[in-house]
């Protein structure tokens, strides 16, 4: 949207009466003075939390680092039920094509496909429980698979991380 906003601002600037320009410049300066320090001193995680209200974003980098330690670069990992930012920080291939919660929740068969992936021949090397398994697996199959096939290896900000048993 930035290019469109820039064009719109340019058109507005060109059509603005010259007597109004000092007030507009002063207003922009006041807004910038308030936002620039916040934008330049806040961490990317904090900016993400503030923009979305999703507190999990504050933990995404730490969780991603843990996943990177638990899984080799060529191994796949899974975030239950989804968190694209964790995958990005981990630098590991997701075990599922679903990177956001909404598709997992609303696409028929998506949560079942994730459970099947964990139950399959080549399960994810590590799993993060960013959300409760029962949220989209009320039958408890995912929880049973975690108990049988995985060991709890770490916790980041209260979020458990499991590694596949050897």
C-alpha atoms as a PDB file:
ATOM      1  CA  UNK A   1       0.000   0.000   0.000  1.00  0.00           C
ATOM      2  CA  UNK A   2       2.969   2.311   0.445  1.00  0.00           C
ATOM      3  CA  UNK A   3       3.287   3.255  -3.261  1.00  0.00           C
ATOM      4  CA  UNK A   4      -0.422   4.092  -3.471  1.00  0.00           C
ATOM      5  CA  UNK A   5      -0.210   6.128  -0.278  1.00  0.00           C
ATOM      6  CA  UNK A   6       2.791   8.020  -1.631  1.00  0.00           C
ATOM      7  CA  UNK A   7       0.968   8.841  -4.870  1.00  0.00           C
ATOM      8  CA  UNK A   8      -2.134   9.960  -2.953  1.00  0.00           C
ATOM      9  CA  UNK A   9      -0.005  12.110  -0.646  1.00  0.00           C
ATOM     10  CA  UNK A  10       1.751  13.650  -3.654  1.00  0.00           C
ATOM     11  CA  UNK A  11      -1.526  14.494  -5.355  1.00  0.00           C
ATOM     12  CA  UNK A  12      -2.912  15.954  -2.125  1.00  0.00           C
ATOM     13  CA  UNK A  13       0.279  17.965  -1.611  1.00  0.00           C
ATOM     14  CA  UNK A  14       0.141  19.352  -5.174  1.00  0.00           C
ATOM     15  CA  UNK A  15      -3.498  20.408  -4.817  1.00  0.00           C
ATOM     16  CA  UNK A  16      -3.170  21.846  -1.318  1.00  0.00           C
ATOM     17  CA  UNK A  17      -3.512  25.625  -0.984  1.00  0.00           C
ATOM     18  CA  UNK A  18      -0.119  27.175  -0.169  1.00  0.00           C
ATOM     19  CA  UNK A  19      -1.414  28.912   2.971  1.00  0.00           C
ATOM     20  CA  UNK A  20      -2.225  25.512   4.541  1.00  0.00           C
ATOM     21  CA  UNK A  21       1.210  23.931   3.910  1.00  0.00           C
ATOM     22  CA  UNK A  22       2.940  25.188   7.113  1.00  0.00           C
ATOM     23  CA  UNK A  23       0.167  23.701   9.271  1.00  0.00           C
ATOM     24  CA  UNK A  24       0.360  20.360   7.433  1.00  0.00           C
ATOM     25  CA  UNK A  25       4.145  20.218   7.749  1.00  0.00           C
ATOM     26  CA  UNK A  26       3.880  21.018  11.475  1.00  0.00           C
ATOM     27  CA  UNK A  27       1.261  18.283  11.946  1.00  0.00           C
ATOM     28  CA  UNK A  28       3.397  15.689  10.160  1.00  0.00           C
ATOM     29  CA  UNK A  29       6.414  16.729  12.238  1.00  0.00           C
ATOM     30  CA  UNK A  30       4.457  16.297  15.483  1.00  0.00           C
ATOM     31  CA  UNK A  31       3.256  12.833  14.412  1.00  0.00           C
ATOM     32  CA  UNK A  32       6.756  11.801  13.356  1.00  0.00           C
ATOM     33  CA  UNK A  33       8.233  13.075  16.625  1.00  0.00           C
ATOM     34  CA  UNK A  34       5.856  10.780  18.510  1.00  0.00           C
ATOM     35  CA  UNK A  35       6.230   7.663  16.354  1.00  0.00           C
ATOM     36  CA  UNK A  36       9.858   7.661  15.236  1.00  0.00           C
ATOM     37  CA  UNK A  37      11.307   7.006  18.717  1.00  0.00           C
ATOM     38  CA  UNK A  38       8.806   4.193  19.280  1.00  0.00           C
ATOM     39  CA  UNK A  39       9.501   2.597  15.889  1.00  0.00           C
ATOM     40  CA  UNK A  40      13.275   2.843  16.232  1.00  0.00           C
ATOM     41  CA  UNK A  41      13.573   1.611  19.823  1.00  0.00           C
ATOM     42  CA  UNK A  42      10.969  -1.181  19.924  1.00  0.00           C
ATOM     43  CA  UNK A  43      11.958  -4.730  19.041  1.00  0.00           C
ATOM     44  CA  UNK A  44      10.391  -6.329  15.977  1.00  0.00           C
ATOM     45  CA  UNK A  45       8.591  -8.747  18.312  1.00  0.00           C
ATOM     46  CA  UNK A  46       7.101  -5.891  20.339  1.00  0.00           C
ATOM     47  CA  UNK A  47       6.038  -4.063  17.189  1.00  0.00           C
ATOM     48  CA  UNK A  48       4.311  -7.256  16.013  1.00  0.00           C
ATOM     49  CA  UNK A  49       2.500  -7.680  19.323  1.00  0.00           C
ATOM     50  CA  UNK A  50       1.418  -4.034  19.321  1.00  0.00           C
ATOM     51  CA  UNK A  51       0.211  -4.225  15.710  1.00  0.00           C
ATOM     52  CA  UNK A  52      -1.734  -7.475  16.037  1.00  0.00           C
ATOM     53  CA  UNK A  53      -2.451  -7.997  19.721  1.00  0.00           C
ATOM     54  CA  UNK A  54      -1.038 -11.531  19.342  1.00  0.00           C
ATOM     55  CA  UNK A  55       1.144 -12.118  22.395  1.00  0.00           C
ATOM     56  CA  UNK A  56       2.672 -15.219  20.792  1.00  0.00           C
ATOM     57  CA  UNK A  57       4.711 -12.958  18.531  1.00  0.00           C
ATOM     58  CA  UNK A  58       6.781 -11.875  21.529  1.00  0.00           C
ATOM     59  CA  UNK A  59       7.931 -15.486  21.960  1.00  0.00           C
ATOM     60  CA  UNK A  60       8.362 -16.360  18.288  1.00  0.00           C
ATOM     61  CA  UNK A  61      12.084 -15.629  18.062  1.00  0.00           C
ATOM     62  CA  UNK A  62      12.970 -17.636  21.174  1.00  0.00           C
ATOM     63  CA  UNK A  63      10.785 -20.539  20.073  1.00  0.00           C
ATOM     64  CA  UNK A  64      12.339 -20.444  16.610  1.00  0.00           C
ATOM     65  CA  UNK A  65      15.826 -20.604  18.113  1.00  0.00           C
ATOM     66  CA  UNK A  66      14.844 -23.643  20.194  1.00  0.00           C
ATOM     67  CA  UNK A  67      13.413 -25.355  17.108  1.00  0.00           C
ATOM     68  CA  UNK A  68      16.620 -24.663  15.211  1.00  0.00           C
ATOM     69  CA  UNK A  69      18.570 -26.414  17.973  1.00  0.00           C
ATOM     70  CA  UNK A  70      16.226 -29.413  18.100  1.00  0.00           C
ATOM     71  CA  UNK A  71      15.904 -29.996  14.354  1.00  0.00           C
ATOM     72  CA  UNK A  72      18.624 -30.288  11.744  1.00  0.00           C
ATOM     73  CA  UNK A  73      18.410 -27.846   8.819  1.00  0.00           C
ATOM     74  CA  UNK A  74      16.962 -30.517   6.527  1.00  0.00           C
ATOM     75  CA  UNK A  75      14.312 -31.650   9.032  1.00  0.00           C
ATOM     76  CA  UNK A  76      10.728 -30.426   9.190  1.00  0.00           C
ATOM     77  CA  UNK A  77       9.064 -28.888  12.258  1.00  0.00           C
ATOM     78  CA  UNK A  78       5.476 -28.226  13.269  1.00  0.00           C
ATOM     79  CA  UNK A  79       3.756 -25.441  15.183  1.00  0.00           C
ATOM     80  CA  UNK A  80       0.353 -26.472  16.528  1.00  0.00           C
ATOM     81  CA  UNK A  81      -1.855 -25.080  15.171  1.00  0.00           C
ATOM     82  CA  UNK A  82       0.153 -22.532  13.212  1.00  0.00           C
ATOM     83  CA  UNK A  83       2.544 -19.592  13.574  1.00  0.00           C
ATOM     84  CA  UNK A  84       4.320 -18.366  10.465  1.00  0.00           C
ATOM     85  CA  UNK A  85       6.671 -16.166  12.466  1.00  0.00           C
ATOM     86  CA  UNK A  86       8.049 -19.152  14.403  1.00  0.00           C
ATOM     87  CA  UNK A  87       8.833 -20.988  11.167  1.00  0.00           C
ATOM     88  CA  UNK A  88      10.642 -17.917   9.873  1.00  0.00           C
ATOM     89  CA  UNK A  89      12.777 -17.601  12.997  1.00  0.00           C
ATOM     90  CA  UNK A  90      13.498 -21.347  13.068  1.00  0.00           C
ATOM     91  CA  UNK A  91      14.715 -21.461   9.496  1.00  0.00           C
ATOM     92  CA  UNK A  92      13.258 -24.960   9.216  1.00  0.00           C
ATOM     93  CA  UNK A  93      10.775 -26.373   6.728  1.00  0.00           C
ATOM     94  CA  UNK A  94       7.185 -26.493   8.040  1.00  0.00           C
ATOM     95  CA  UNK A  95       5.680 -29.972   8.197  1.00  0.00           C
ATOM     96  CA  UNK A  96       2.415 -28.553   6.880  1.00  0.00           C
ATOM     97  CA  UNK A  97       1.431 -26.023   4.223  1.00  0.00           C
ATOM     98  CA  UNK A  98      -0.723 -24.198   6.781  1.00  0.00           C
ATOM     99  CA  UNK A  99       1.235 -21.315   8.308  1.00  0.00           C
ATOM    100  CA  UNK A 100      -1.698 -19.443   9.868  1.00  0.00           C
ATOM    101  CA  UNK A 101      -4.417 -20.589  12.251  1.00  0.00           C
ATOM    102  CA  UNK A 102      -7.450 -19.466  10.253  1.00  0.00           C
ATOM    103  CA  UNK A 103      -6.878 -21.840   7.288  1.00  0.00           C
ATOM    104  CA  UNK A 104      -6.271 -24.745   9.664  1.00  0.00           C
ATOM    105  CA  UNK A 105      -9.526 -23.949  11.424  1.00  0.00           C
ATOM    106  CA  UNK A 106     -11.719 -23.405   8.369  1.00  0.00           C
ATOM    107  CA  UNK A 107     -10.353 -25.604   5.587  1.00  0.00           C
ATOM    108  CA  UNK A 108     -12.035 -28.994   5.691  1.00  0.00           C
ATOM    109  CA  UNK A 109      -9.539 -31.684   6.596  1.00  0.00           C
ATOM    110  CA  UNK A 110      -6.641 -29.331   7.442  1.00  0.00           C
ATOM    111  CA  UNK A 111      -6.347 -30.181  11.130  1.00  0.00           C
ATOM    112  CA  UNK A 112      -6.791 -33.877  10.353  1.00  0.00           C
ATOM    113  CA  UNK A 113      -3.984 -33.659   7.774  1.00  0.00           C
ATOM    114  CA  UNK A 114      -1.707 -32.174  10.434  1.00  0.00           C
ATOM    115  CA  UNK A 115      -2.520 -34.999  12.850  1.00  0.00           C
ATOM    116  CA  UNK A 116      -1.896 -37.520  10.026  1.00  0.00           C
ATOM    117  CA  UNK A 117       1.495 -35.888   9.404  1.00  0.00           C
ATOM    118  CA  UNK A 118       2.480 -36.420  13.049  1.00  0.00           C
ATOM    119  CA  UNK A 119       1.201 -40.021  12.903  1.00  0.00           C
ATOM    120  CA  UNK A 120       2.949 -40.749   9.592  1.00  0.00           C
ATOM    121  CA  UNK A 121       6.151 -42.490   8.573  1.00  0.00           C
ATOM    122  CA  UNK A 122       8.234 -39.276   8.544  1.00  0.00           C
ATOM    123  CA  UNK A 123       6.879 -37.124  11.405  1.00  0.00           C
ATOM    124  CA  UNK A 124       8.161 -33.621  12.207  1.00  0.00           C
ATOM    125  CA  UNK A 125      11.456 -33.554  14.129  1.00  0.00           C
ATOM    126  CA  UNK A 126      10.050 -31.083  16.642  1.00  0.00           C
ATOM    127  CA  UNK A 127       6.617 -29.759  17.587  1.00  0.00           C
ATOM    128  CA  UNK A 128       5.630 -26.533  19.328  1.00  0.00           C
ATOM    129  CA  UNK A 129       2.315 -26.341  21.159  1.00  0.00           C
ATOM    130  CA  UNK A 130       1.512 -22.690  20.490  1.00  0.00           C
ATOM    131  CA  UNK A 131      -2.163 -23.536  21.028  1.00  0.00           C
ATOM    132  CA  UNK A 132      -3.827 -26.405  22.868  1.00  0.00           C
ATOM    133  CA  UNK A 133      -4.114 -29.548  20.726  1.00  0.00           C
ATOM    134  CA  UNK A 134      -7.756 -29.996  21.731  1.00  0.00           C
ATOM    135  CA  UNK A 135      -8.617 -26.683  20.073  1.00  0.00           C
ATOM    136  CA  UNK A 136      -8.852 -28.407  16.682  1.00  0.00           C
ATOM    137  CA  UNK A 137      -8.476 -32.044  17.699  1.00  0.00           C
ATOM    138  CA  UNK A 138     -11.231 -32.691  20.240  1.00  0.00           C
ATOM    139  CA  UNK A 139     -10.730 -36.471  19.979  1.00  0.00           C
ATOM    140  CA  UNK A 140      -7.235 -36.127  21.461  1.00  0.00           C
ATOM    141  CA  UNK A 141      -5.300 -38.032  18.781  1.00  0.00           C
ATOM    142  CA  UNK A 142      -2.578 -35.362  18.559  1.00  0.00           C
ATOM    143  CA  UNK A 143      -2.068 -35.385  22.334  1.00  0.00           C
ATOM    144  CA  UNK A 144      -1.741 -39.181  22.308  1.00  0.00           C
ATOM    145  CA  UNK A 145       0.798 -39.000  19.476  1.00  0.00           C
ATOM    146  CA  UNK A 146       2.835 -36.393  21.348  1.00  0.00           C
ATOM    147  CA  UNK A 147       2.893 -38.575  24.448  1.00  0.00           C
ATOM    148  CA  UNK A 148       3.905 -41.676  22.497  1.00  0.00           C
ATOM    149  CA  UNK A 149       6.359 -40.268  19.906  1.00  0.00           C
ATOM    150  CA  UNK A 150       7.827 -37.106  21.443  1.00  0.00           C
ATOM    151  CA  UNK A 151       9.714 -35.873  24.508  1.00  0.00           C
ATOM    152  CA  UNK A 152       9.236 -32.427  26.002  1.00  0.00           C
ATOM    153  CA  UNK A 153      12.606 -30.747  25.492  1.00  0.00           C
ATOM    154  CA  UNK A 154      12.062 -27.078  26.240  1.00  0.00           C
ATOM    155  CA  UNK A 155       9.605 -24.404  27.271  1.00  0.00           C
ATOM    156  CA  UNK A 156       9.712 -20.806  26.045  1.00  0.00           C
ATOM    157  CA  UNK A 157       7.428 -18.328  27.792  1.00  0.00           C
ATOM    158  CA  UNK A 158       5.211 -21.188  28.923  1.00  0.00           C
ATOM    159  CA  UNK A 159       4.984 -22.705  25.428  1.00  0.00           C
ATOM    160  CA  UNK A 160       6.152 -26.352  25.348  1.00  0.00           C
ATOM    161  CA  UNK A 161       8.433 -27.661  22.627  1.00  0.00           C
ATOM    162  CA  UNK A 162       8.752 -31.384  21.899  1.00  0.00           C
ATOM    163  CA  UNK A 163      11.403 -33.380  20.035  1.00  0.00           C
ATOM    164  CA  UNK A 164      10.857 -36.672  18.249  1.00  0.00           C
ATOM    165  CA  UNK A 165      12.061 -39.668  20.286  1.00  0.00           C
ATOM    166  CA  UNK A 166      15.129 -41.341  18.812  1.00  0.00           C
END
